[in-house]
C-alpha atoms as a PDB file:
ATOM      1  CA  UNK A   1     -58.344  23.678 -13.632  1.00  0.00           C
ATOM      2  CA  UNK A   2     -62.175  22.289 -13.279  1.00  0.00           C
ATOM      3  CA  UNK A   3     -65.150  24.332 -13.687  1.00  0.00           C
ATOM      4  CA  UNK A   4     -67.702  23.444 -10.689  1.00  0.00           C
ATOM      5  CA  UNK A   5     -71.221  24.530 -12.047  1.00  0.00           C
ATOM      6  CA  UNK A   6     -73.223  27.032 -10.081  1.00  0.00           C
ATOM      7  CA  UNK A   7     -76.748  26.253  -8.605  1.00  0.00           C
ATOM      8  CA  UNK A   8     -79.195  27.562  -6.393  1.00  0.00           C
ATOM      9  CA  UNK A   9     -79.778  26.521  -2.632  1.00  0.00           C
ATOM     10  CA  UNK A  10     -83.088  24.326  -2.678  1.00  0.00           C
ATOM     11  CA  UNK A  11     -86.104  26.316  -2.603  1.00  0.00           C
ATOM     12  CA  UNK A  12     -84.345  29.713  -3.191  1.00  0.00           C
ATOM     13  CA  UNK A  13     -82.851  32.144  -5.694  1.00  0.00           C
ATOM     14  CA  UNK A  14     -79.574  32.343  -3.752  1.00  0.00           C
ATOM     15  CA  UNK A  15     -76.665  30.862  -5.595  1.00  0.00           C
ATOM     16  CA  UNK A  16     -74.992  27.857  -3.669  1.00  0.00           C
ATOM     17  CA  UNK A  17     -71.727  28.371  -4.511  1.00  0.00           C
ATOM     18  CA  UNK A  18     -70.130  32.111  -3.952  1.00  0.00           C
ATOM     19  CA  UNK A  19     -68.369  33.394  -6.816  1.00  0.00           C
ATOM     20  CA  UNK A  20     -66.007  35.424  -5.552  1.00  0.00           C
ATOM     21  CA  UNK A  21     -63.394  32.557  -4.231  1.00  0.00           C
ATOM     22  CA  UNK A  22     -61.234  29.982  -6.031  1.00  0.00           C
ATOM     23  CA  UNK A  23     -60.517  26.477  -4.198  1.00  0.00           C
ATOM     24  CA  UNK A  24     -57.238  25.232  -4.946  1.00  0.00           C
ATOM     25  CA  UNK A  25     -56.576  21.605  -4.514  1.00  0.00           C
ATOM     26  CA  UNK A  26     -53.026  19.776  -4.859  1.00  0.00           C
ATOM     27  CA  UNK A  27     -52.180  18.336  -8.094  1.00  0.00           C
ATOM     28  CA  UNK A  28     -50.926  14.799  -8.348  1.00  0.00           C
ATOM     29  CA  UNK A  29     -51.322  11.167  -9.458  1.00  0.00           C
ATOM     30  CA  UNK A  30     -53.975  10.615  -6.006  1.00  0.00           C
ATOM     31  CA  UNK A  31     -57.396  10.684  -7.144  1.00  0.00           C
ATOM     32  CA  UNK A  32     -60.111  12.414  -4.966  1.00  0.00           C
ATOM     33  CA  UNK A  33     -63.121   9.782  -5.532  1.00  0.00           C
ATOM     34  CA  UNK A  34     -62.148   6.235  -5.005  1.00  0.00           C
ATOM     35  CA  UNK A  35     -64.006   3.193  -6.528  1.00  0.00           C
ATOM     36  CA  UNK A  36     -63.134  -0.320  -5.568  1.00  0.00           C
ATOM     37  CA  UNK A  37     -64.379  -3.478  -6.820  1.00  0.00           C
ATOM     38  CA  UNK A  38     -63.625  -6.137  -3.859  1.00  0.00           C
ATOM     39  CA  UNK A  39     -62.975  -9.928  -4.728  1.00  0.00           C
ATOM     40  CA  UNK A  40     -64.660 -11.857  -7.608  1.00  0.00           C
ATOM     41  CA  UNK A  41     -68.322 -11.704  -8.863  1.00  0.00           C
ATOM     42  CA  UNK A  42     -70.784 -14.628  -8.075  1.00  0.00           C
ATOM     43  CA  UNK A  43     -73.519 -15.703 -10.634  1.00  0.00           C
ATOM     44  CA  UNK A  44     -75.970 -18.035  -9.654  1.00  0.00           C
ATOM     45  CA  UNK A  45     -78.323 -19.576 -11.943  1.00  0.00           C
ATOM     46  CA  UNK A  46     -81.861 -19.069 -10.817  1.00  0.00           C
ATOM     47  CA  UNK A  47     -84.116 -22.334 -10.347  1.00  0.00           C
ATOM     48  CA  UNK A  48     -86.831 -23.246 -12.758  1.00  0.00           C
ATOM     49  CA  UNK A  49     -84.937 -23.842 -15.490  1.00  0.00           C
ATOM     50  CA  UNK A  50     -85.383 -22.089 -18.879  1.00  0.00           C
ATOM     51  CA  UNK A  51     -88.404 -19.985 -20.064  1.00  0.00           C
ATOM     52  CA  UNK A  52     -90.498 -20.409 -22.981  1.00  0.00           C
ATOM     53  CA  UNK A  53     -88.276 -18.615 -25.103  1.00  0.00           C
ATOM     54  CA  UNK A  54     -85.298 -20.456 -23.762  1.00  0.00           C
ATOM     55  CA  UNK A  55     -83.836 -17.646 -21.726  1.00  0.00           C
ATOM     56  CA  UNK A  56     -82.073 -18.140 -18.164  1.00  0.00           C
ATOM     57  CA  UNK A  57     -82.604 -16.051 -15.316  1.00  0.00           C
ATOM     58  CA  UNK A  58     -79.541 -15.154 -12.976  1.00  0.00           C
ATOM     59  CA  UNK A  59     -78.431 -13.605  -9.975  1.00  0.00           C
ATOM     60  CA  UNK A  60     -75.238 -11.609 -10.228  1.00  0.00           C
ATOM     61  CA  UNK A  61     -73.601 -10.445  -7.035  1.00  0.00           C
ATOM     62  CA  UNK A  62     -70.368  -7.795  -6.951  1.00  0.00           C
ATOM     63  CA  UNK A  63     -68.976  -6.007  -3.891  1.00  0.00           C
ATOM     64  CA  UNK A  64     -68.228  -2.396  -4.606  1.00  0.00           C
ATOM     65  CA  UNK A  65     -67.396   0.319  -2.622  1.00  0.00           C
ATOM     66  CA  UNK A  66     -66.910   4.167  -3.190  1.00  0.00           C
ATOM     67  CA  UNK A  67     -65.203   7.044  -1.318  1.00  0.00           C
ATOM     68  CA  UNK A  68     -64.606  10.805  -1.293  1.00  0.00           C
ATOM     69  CA  UNK A  69     -61.282  11.585   0.006  1.00  0.00           C
ATOM     70  CA  UNK A  70     -60.154  14.773   1.751  1.00  0.00           C
ATOM     71  CA  UNK A  71     -56.932  16.647   1.543  1.00  0.00           C
ATOM     72  CA  UNK A  72     -55.453  18.449   4.627  1.00  0.00           C
ATOM     73  CA  UNK A  73     -53.396  20.752   2.224  1.00  0.00           C
ATOM     74  CA  UNK A  74     -55.732  23.289  -0.163  1.00  0.00           C
ATOM     75  CA  UNK A  75     -55.862  26.740  -0.507  1.00  0.00           C
ATOM     76  CA  UNK A  76     -58.569  29.465  -1.192  1.00  0.00           C
ATOM     77  CA  UNK A  77     -58.175  32.848  -3.217  1.00  0.00           C
ATOM     78  CA  UNK A  78     -60.596  35.252  -2.277  1.00  0.00           C
ATOM     79  CA  UNK A  79     -61.488  38.169  -4.684  1.00  0.00           C
ATOM     80  CA  UNK A  80     -62.634  41.378  -3.344  1.00  0.00           C
END
């Protein structure tokens, strides 16, 4: 079980999450949020050589992605 922290709707004193229900998601090894790193990273030396303190400048490029998966199977308990 995970707790979802309560917040307010922007600019009001109304709670964003109704406290009279519980959402039930399926359990398993499948994660809801997916993070992907694609391919190899690229590191490029910037032209101009070293600076006065002998440090070197680089450009670091990496392709990444993030997605939120939705489940077709979920439940909700409503408290009356």
